[in-house]
Amino acid sequence: MLRLLTVCLTVGFAQTLFAAEPQSVLLWPNGAPGSEGKTADEVVETTGSGERNITSVHKPSLIPYLPEAGNGNGVAIVIAPGGGHSKLCMDHEGHNLAKWLAEHGVAALILKYRLCREKESTYTLEGHAVADMQRAIRLVRNQAKAWHVNPQRVGALGFSAGGELAFLAAMQTGSGDPASADDVEKESARPDFQCLIYPGKSDRIAVAKGMPQAFIVCGYGDRKDISHGMAEAYLKFKEAGVPAELHIYSAAGHGFGVRNSNKGAAARWPSRLEEWLSDNVLK
């Protein structure tokens, strides 16, 4: 009986917590291409520290955190949590930052994208996960008036695996289809700027003149393809004449995200992002 009561209280608390968060908006209301026949519900697991991870994403969506009326600056950022493409780390790489950004005037929209490395997954990185990021950017532009954002100030931000989605979307033209019967598909899928927070596969970053400018964050203690790779990526932006800002925190490793428990300079990286937006996006 005691165990049953504990489970009931935990479920009740989770329901109350989720109820206080914005409702998800489906990227494709009639079903995502490539997810036909997949009806399993999302699975939410809680770690020992109380953070939530999501798996089994078959209905990709956005969770919009919008500034209070009159407090927005017109900037919108689609946030892709990390998790190695096998899960989505929704709190320290999603909700925590989204709430912070909304409080600072930025419309933040958490992307729940399909997972290409989840066990028995039939999804691919570029065919589904990146496509979800592109559709999310199109949707934000389509809903710009309703969400009080400037359609020319829509950025992509990704943590770790989510960072791959951000830079891969930025590397493509993402032109809209003016003849599409779907109004969302008429919009451009290329972000106006990209924020890369300790992303993997840094060797895949290719930079050409005219690409979206970049804000980059990583830790000195991260694995080589990130701690070394993002320094190399910064030089690619520099050589191509694409504005970029790089922060490598000496006392940080991988996956620090946004947590109340974070200490030191790396804990304050969202403030550096706010400054960068002011200097480069809102100018």
Protein backbone atom coordinates (compact mmCIF):
# COMPACT_ATOMS: atom_id res chain seq x y z
CA MET A 1 0.00 0.00 0.00
CA LEU A 2 2.83 2.38 0.86
CA ARG A 3 4.52 1.68 -2.51
CA LEU A 4 1.24 2.22 -4.36
CA LEU A 5 0.70 5.52 -2.52
CA THR A 6 4.24 6.63 -3.43
CA VAL A 7 3.67 5.82 -7.11
CA CYS A 8 0.33 7.66 -7.11
CA LEU A 9 1.90 10.73 -5.51
CA THR A 10 4.76 10.65 -8.04
CA VAL A 11 2.36 10.37 -10.97
CA GLY A 12 0.19 13.13 -9.52
CA PHE A 13 3.20 15.41 -9.10
CA ALA A 14 4.34 14.73 -12.68
CA GLN A 15 0.86 15.49 -14.03
CA THR A 16 0.79 18.76 -12.09
CA LEU A 17 4.28 19.64 -13.36
CA PHE A 18 3.42 18.89 -16.99
CA ALA A 19 0.12 20.79 -16.68
CA ALA A 20 2.06 23.92 -15.72
CA GLU A 21 4.11 23.73 -18.93
CA PRO A 22 2.98 24.95 -22.37
CA GLN A 23 1.14 22.46 -24.57
CA SER A 24 3.01 20.91 -27.48
CA VAL A 25 2.22 22.02 -31.03
CA LEU A 26 2.51 19.28 -33.64
CA LEU A 27 4.83 20.03 -36.54
CA TRP A 28 2.57 18.04 -38.85
CA PRO A 29 -1.01 17.98 -37.48
CA ASN A 30 -1.94 15.16 -39.87
CA GLY A 31 1.11 13.05 -39.12
CA ALA A 32 4.83 13.39 -39.83
CA PRO A 33 6.17 11.97 -43.11
CA GLY A 34 8.07 8.80 -42.29
CA SER A 35 6.09 8.09 -39.10
CA GLU A 36 3.10 6.48 -40.75
CA GLY A 37 1.71 3.62 -38.68
CA LYS A 38 3.72 4.50 -35.57
CA THR A 39 1.21 4.98 -32.76
CA ALA A 40 3.29 4.38 -29.61
CA ASP A 41 3.10 7.17 -27.04
CA GLU A 42 6.10 9.17 -25.93
CA VAL A 43 7.90 7.70 -22.92
CA VAL A 44 9.04 9.99 -20.11
CA GLU A 45 11.70 8.71 -17.74
CA THR A 46 13.02 10.55 -14.69
CA THR A 47 16.68 10.33 -13.72
CA GLY A 48 17.94 9.98 -10.17
CA SER A 49 18.45 13.75 -10.05
CA GLY A 50 14.84 14.37 -11.07
CA GLU A 51 15.49 15.38 -14.69
CA ARG A 52 13.26 14.07 -17.46
CA ASN A 53 14.26 12.24 -20.62
CA ILE A 54 11.89 11.50 -23.48
CA THR A 55 11.99 8.61 -25.95
CA SER A 56 9.57 7.14 -28.52
CA VAL A 57 8.95 10.38 -30.41
CA HIS A 58 6.74 9.72 -33.43
CA LYS A 59 4.80 12.98 -33.44
CA PRO A 60 7.49 15.68 -33.57
CA SER A 61 6.37 18.91 -31.95
CA LEU A 62 7.30 22.25 -30.42
CA ILE A 63 6.79 23.37 -26.84
CA PRO A 64 6.50 27.19 -27.00
CA TYR A 65 7.69 29.36 -24.15
CA LEU A 66 6.65 32.89 -25.07
CA PRO A 67 7.53 36.16 -23.30
CA GLU A 68 4.78 37.97 -21.46
CA ALA A 69 2.80 40.38 -23.61
CA GLY A 70 4.82 43.49 -24.38
CA ASN A 71 8.11 42.01 -23.13
CA GLY A 72 9.26 40.23 -26.29
CA ASN A 73 12.10 41.45 -28.48
CA GLY A 74 10.95 39.61 -31.61
CA VAL A 75 13.66 36.93 -31.49
CA ALA A 76 12.64 33.27 -31.63
CA ILE A 77 14.91 30.28 -30.97
CA VAL A 78 14.11 26.63 -31.70
CA ILE A 79 15.90 24.55 -29.03
CA ALA A 80 16.94 20.97 -29.83
CA PRO A 81 17.87 19.05 -26.65
CA GLY A 82 20.71 16.54 -26.74
CA GLY A 83 20.74 12.88 -25.80
CA GLY A 84 22.85 11.09 -28.37
CA HIS A 85 19.88 10.71 -30.74
CA SER A 86 18.56 7.96 -28.43
CA LYS A 87 16.69 10.21 -25.99
CA LEU A 88 15.87 13.88 -25.43
CA CYS A 89 17.24 15.50 -22.25
CA MET A 90 14.27 17.78 -21.76
CA ASP A 91 15.12 19.72 -18.61
CA HIS A 92 18.75 20.86 -18.47
CA GLU A 93 18.86 21.07 -22.29
CA GLY A 94 15.32 22.21 -22.88
CA HIS A 95 12.84 23.60 -20.37
CA ASN A 96 15.40 25.35 -18.15
CA LEU A 97 16.86 27.39 -20.99
CA ALA A 98 13.47 28.00 -22.62
CA LYS A 99 12.07 29.50 -19.42
CA TRP A 100 15.18 31.68 -19.00
CA LEU A 101 14.99 32.96 -22.55
CA ALA A 102 11.28 33.75 -22.32
CA GLU A 103 11.94 35.73 -19.15
CA HIS A 104 14.54 37.70 -21.12
CA GLY A 105 12.26 38.53 -24.03
CA VAL A 106 13.06 35.66 -26.42
CA ALA A 107 10.41 33.27 -27.71
CA ALA A 108 11.90 29.82 -27.03
CA LEU A 109 10.44 26.71 -28.60
CA ILE A 110 11.66 23.26 -27.52
CA LEU A 111 11.80 20.77 -30.37
CA LYS A 112 10.83 17.17 -29.71
CA TYR A 113 12.44 15.49 -32.70
CA ARG A 114 12.57 11.90 -33.88
CA LEU A 115 15.44 9.75 -32.62
CA CYS A 116 17.63 7.95 -35.14
CA ARG A 117 19.68 5.95 -32.61
CA GLU A 118 16.92 4.75 -30.35
CA LYS A 119 16.69 0.96 -30.21
CA GLU A 120 14.97 -0.42 -33.32
CA SER A 121 14.53 3.08 -34.74
CA THR A 122 13.69 3.38 -38.44
CA TYR A 123 14.53 7.09 -38.50
CA THR A 124 17.63 8.74 -39.95
CA LEU A 125 19.51 11.86 -38.91
CA GLU A 126 19.02 13.95 -42.01
CA GLY A 127 15.87 12.29 -43.33
CA HIS A 128 13.87 12.75 -40.13
CA ALA A 129 15.65 14.55 -37.25
CA VAL A 130 17.03 17.40 -39.38
CA ALA A 131 13.74 17.46 -41.29
CA ASP A 132 12.01 18.03 -37.94
CA MET A 133 14.29 21.01 -37.22
CA GLN A 134 13.60 22.44 -40.66
CA ARG A 135 9.86 22.00 -40.28
CA ALA A 136 10.05 23.65 -36.83
CA ILE A 137 11.77 26.72 -38.27
CA ARG A 138 9.17 26.92 -41.05
CA LEU A 139 6.37 26.62 -38.47
CA VAL A 140 7.76 29.42 -36.30
CA ARG A 141 7.88 31.71 -39.33
CA ASN A 142 4.37 30.67 -40.29
CA GLN A 143 3.14 31.49 -36.78
CA ALA A 144 5.27 34.64 -36.39
CA LYS A 145 2.30 36.98 -36.06
CA ALA A 146 0.50 34.81 -33.52
CA TRP A 147 3.67 34.29 -31.47
CA HIS A 148 4.78 37.94 -31.80
CA VAL A 149 8.16 37.20 -33.36
CA ASN A 150 10.06 38.61 -36.32
CA PRO A 151 10.20 35.94 -39.06
CA GLN A 152 13.67 37.24 -39.97
CA ARG A 153 14.98 36.64 -36.43
CA VAL A 154 14.41 32.90 -36.08
CA GLY A 155 17.39 30.89 -34.88
CA ALA A 156 18.28 27.27 -34.19
CA LEU A 157 20.01 26.24 -30.95
CA GLY A 158 21.10 22.72 -30.20
CA PHE A 159 22.84 20.90 -27.36
CA SER A 160 25.18 18.01 -28.22
CA ALA A 161 23.22 15.81 -30.67
CA GLY A 162 20.71 18.63 -31.04
CA GLY A 163 23.57 20.88 -32.09
CA GLU A 164 24.04 18.66 -35.13
CA LEU A 165 20.48 19.46 -36.18
CA ALA A 166 21.16 23.18 -35.77
CA PHE A 167 24.31 23.32 -37.91
CA LEU A 168 23.00 20.88 -40.54
CA ALA A 169 19.89 23.02 -40.98
CA ALA A 170 22.08 26.13 -41.22
CA MET A 171 24.22 24.52 -43.92
CA GLN A 172 21.23 24.05 -46.24
CA THR A 173 19.38 26.72 -48.19
CA GLY A 174 16.02 25.44 -46.97
CA SER A 175 14.07 27.33 -49.62
CA GLY A 176 10.31 27.29 -49.26
CA ASP A 177 7.93 25.96 -51.90
CA PRO A 178 5.62 28.81 -52.97
CA ALA A 179 3.38 26.34 -54.81
CA SER A 180 2.82 24.07 -51.79
CA ALA A 181 -0.73 23.52 -50.56
CA ASP A 182 0.74 23.52 -47.04
CA ASP A 183 1.32 27.13 -45.97
CA VAL A 184 4.07 26.06 -43.57
CA GLU A 185 6.11 24.57 -46.44
CA LYS A 186 6.11 27.94 -48.19
CA GLU A 187 8.44 29.32 -45.51
CA SER A 188 12.24 29.10 -45.47
CA ALA A 189 13.73 26.37 -43.28
CA ARG A 190 17.13 28.01 -42.90
CA PRO A 191 17.71 29.64 -39.49
CA ASP A 192 18.78 33.28 -39.37
CA PHE A 193 21.44 32.34 -36.80
CA GLN A 194 22.76 29.20 -35.15
CA CYS A 195 23.73 28.53 -31.53
CA LEU A 196 25.91 25.45 -31.14
CA ILE A 197 26.22 24.20 -27.58
CA TYR A 198 28.89 21.46 -27.37
CA PRO A 199 27.67 19.75 -30.57
CA GLY A 200 28.96 16.43 -31.82
CA LYS A 201 30.19 15.63 -35.35
CA SER A 202 32.01 18.97 -35.54
CA ASP A 203 33.99 17.66 -38.51
CA ARG A 204 30.78 17.84 -40.56
CA ILE A 205 30.50 21.59 -40.13
CA ALA A 206 31.11 23.27 -43.49
CA VAL A 207 30.99 27.05 -43.72
CA ALA A 208 30.45 29.18 -46.82
CA LYS A 209 30.06 32.91 -47.21
CA GLY A 210 26.51 34.05 -46.49
CA MET A 211 25.69 31.27 -44.02
CA PRO A 212 23.94 32.10 -40.71
CA GLN A 213 26.22 33.58 -38.06
CA ALA A 214 27.10 31.43 -35.06
CA PHE A 215 27.32 31.47 -31.27
CA ILE A 216 29.39 28.55 -29.95
CA VAL A 217 29.82 27.17 -26.42
CA CYS A 218 31.77 24.15 -25.18
CA GLY A 219 33.99 22.94 -22.35
CA TYR A 220 37.78 22.51 -22.31
CA GLY A 221 37.30 19.10 -20.69
CA ASP A 222 34.96 17.77 -23.38
CA ARG A 223 36.00 15.07 -25.84
CA LYS A 224 38.40 16.10 -28.61
CA ASP A 225 35.88 16.36 -31.46
CA ILE A 226 34.14 19.08 -29.43
CA SER A 227 36.78 20.84 -27.29
CA HIS A 228 39.24 20.87 -30.19
CA GLY A 229 36.70 20.54 -33.00
CA MET A 230 34.72 23.65 -32.12
CA ALA A 231 37.90 25.74 -32.15
CA GLU A 232 38.51 24.46 -35.66
CA ALA A 233 34.87 25.19 -36.56
CA TYR A 234 35.28 28.77 -35.34
CA LEU A 235 38.23 29.20 -37.71
CA LYS A 236 36.06 27.92 -40.56
CA PHE A 237 33.54 30.67 -39.84
CA LYS A 238 36.34 33.23 -39.60
CA GLU A 239 37.93 32.19 -42.88
CA ALA A 240 34.56 32.28 -44.68
CA GLY A 241 33.78 35.75 -43.34
CA VAL A 242 30.78 34.54 -41.32
CA PRO A 243 30.56 36.26 -37.90
CA ALA A 244 31.02 33.85 -35.00
CA GLU A 245 31.63 33.97 -31.26
CA LEU A 246 33.28 31.12 -29.35
CA HIS A 247 33.31 30.42 -25.60
CA ILE A 248 35.41 27.51 -24.32
CA TYR A 249 35.02 27.17 -20.54
CA SER A 250 38.15 25.86 -18.85
CA ALA A 251 36.33 24.21 -15.93
CA ALA A 252 33.56 22.52 -17.96
CA GLY A 253 33.17 19.20 -19.72
CA HIS A 254 30.20 17.84 -21.65
CA GLY A 255 26.49 18.16 -20.96
CA PHE A 256 26.45 21.02 -18.42
CA GLY A 257 23.44 22.66 -20.07
CA VAL A 258 21.40 24.91 -17.78
CA ARG A 259 21.02 23.81 -14.17
CA ASN A 260 20.59 25.68 -10.88
CA SER A 261 23.41 23.51 -9.53
CA ASN A 262 25.92 24.72 -12.15
CA LYS A 263 28.78 26.78 -10.75
CA GLY A 264 31.43 29.07 -12.16
CA ALA A 265 31.67 30.87 -15.49
CA ALA A 266 30.04 28.07 -17.50
CA ALA A 267 26.87 28.50 -15.44
CA ARG A 268 26.48 32.00 -16.87
CA TRP A 269 26.73 31.16 -20.57
CA PRO A 270 23.04 32.07 -21.22
CA SER A 271 23.93 35.64 -20.28
CA ARG A 272 26.68 35.57 -22.91
CA LEU A 273 24.06 34.37 -25.39
CA GLU A 274 21.81 37.28 -24.45
CA GLU A 275 24.70 39.69 -25.03
CA TRP A 276 25.49 38.09 -28.37
CA LEU A 277 21.87 38.38 -29.49
CA SER A 278 21.89 42.05 -28.53
CA ASP A 279 25.13 42.69 -30.43
CA ASN A 280 24.37 40.66 -33.54
CA VAL A 281 20.69 39.80 -33.97
CA LEU A 282 18.92 42.79 -32.44
CA LYS A 283 21.28 45.46 -33.79
